[in-house]
Amino acid sequence: MEEQYMGIDQYGNTYHGLKHPRKDLMARLGYRSAQRMFKDKRDGTSVHTGYVVGPYWVDVVTVTPWERPA
């Protein structure tokens, strides 16, 4: 299965079915550029968590199927 991503902005809007998160978010939101967004961890390091596209701060997460035997 091909890896897919989902984005959630600061207003709670969701963006499903992202195959190339940066490219797809810019196309859906109508902007031509995006900046990387980082969050600080407790140990003092920073991690890339999403993109700032126009006025939207979008956290990107990987979508994995969840299934278990009945």
Protein backbone atom coordinates (compact mmCIF):
# COMPACT_ATOMS: atom_id res chain seq x y z
CA MET A 1 0.00 0.00 0.00
CA GLU A 2 1.27 3.45 -0.91
CA GLU A 3 1.98 5.74 2.03
CA GLN A 4 -0.58 8.52 2.48
CA TYR A 5 -0.67 11.55 4.71
CA MET A 6 -3.31 13.70 6.35
CA GLY A 7 -3.05 17.34 7.40
CA ILE A 8 -4.80 19.17 10.25
CA ASP A 9 -4.63 22.97 10.44
CA GLN A 10 -4.93 25.22 13.48
CA TYR A 11 -8.69 25.59 12.92
CA GLY A 12 -9.33 21.83 12.90
CA ASN A 13 -9.82 21.55 9.13
CA THR A 14 -8.54 18.24 7.74
CA TYR A 15 -6.89 17.49 4.42
CA HIS A 16 -7.13 13.80 3.52
CA GLY A 17 -5.39 11.70 0.89
CA LEU A 18 -2.15 13.66 0.61
CA LYS A 19 0.46 11.72 -1.37
CA HIS A 20 2.98 14.58 -1.55
CA PRO A 21 2.03 16.74 1.47
CA ARG A 22 3.75 20.02 0.55
CA LYS A 23 2.71 19.95 -3.11
CA ASP A 24 -0.85 18.79 -2.41
CA LEU A 25 -1.45 21.33 0.38
CA MET A 26 -0.25 24.24 -1.78
CA ALA A 27 -2.56 23.11 -4.60
CA ARG A 28 -5.61 22.66 -2.34
CA LEU A 29 -5.14 25.94 -0.48
CA GLY A 30 -4.20 27.96 -3.57
CA TYR A 31 -0.71 29.15 -2.58
CA ARG A 32 2.59 28.90 -4.45
CA SER A 33 4.96 28.46 -1.52
CA ALA A 34 5.13 26.69 1.82
CA GLN A 35 7.55 26.91 4.72
CA ARG A 36 8.55 24.01 6.93
CA MET A 37 7.05 24.04 10.43
CA PHE A 38 8.99 22.78 13.44
CA LYS A 39 8.12 21.94 17.04
CA ASP A 40 10.51 21.81 19.98
CA LYS A 41 10.76 18.58 21.93
CA ARG A 42 11.36 18.43 25.67
CA ASP A 43 14.97 17.36 25.16
CA GLY A 44 15.74 20.60 23.31
CA THR A 45 15.73 19.26 19.75
CA SER A 46 13.40 20.40 16.97
CA VAL A 47 11.37 18.15 14.67
CA HIS A 48 9.70 18.91 11.33
CA THR A 49 5.96 18.41 11.84
CA GLY A 50 4.25 20.11 8.91
CA TYR A 51 4.02 23.21 6.76
CA VAL A 52 2.95 26.84 6.96
CA VAL A 53 0.94 27.52 3.80
CA GLY A 54 -0.31 31.10 3.65
CA PRO A 55 -2.14 31.74 6.93
CA TYR A 56 -2.53 28.01 7.68
CA TRP A 57 -0.29 26.02 10.03
CA VAL A 58 -0.79 22.41 8.95
CA ASP A 59 0.45 19.44 11.00
CA VAL A 60 1.06 16.43 8.76
CA VAL A 61 0.62 12.85 9.99
CA THR A 62 1.09 9.49 8.31
CA VAL A 63 -2.09 7.48 7.77
CA THR A 64 -1.72 3.77 8.42
CA PRO A 65 -4.51 1.22 8.07
CA TRP A 66 -5.67 -0.33 11.29
CA GLU A 67 -7.22 -3.75 11.21
CA ARG A 68 -7.34 -6.78 13.42
CA PRO A 69 -8.84 -10.26 13.05
CA ALA A 70 -12.48 -10.66 14.03
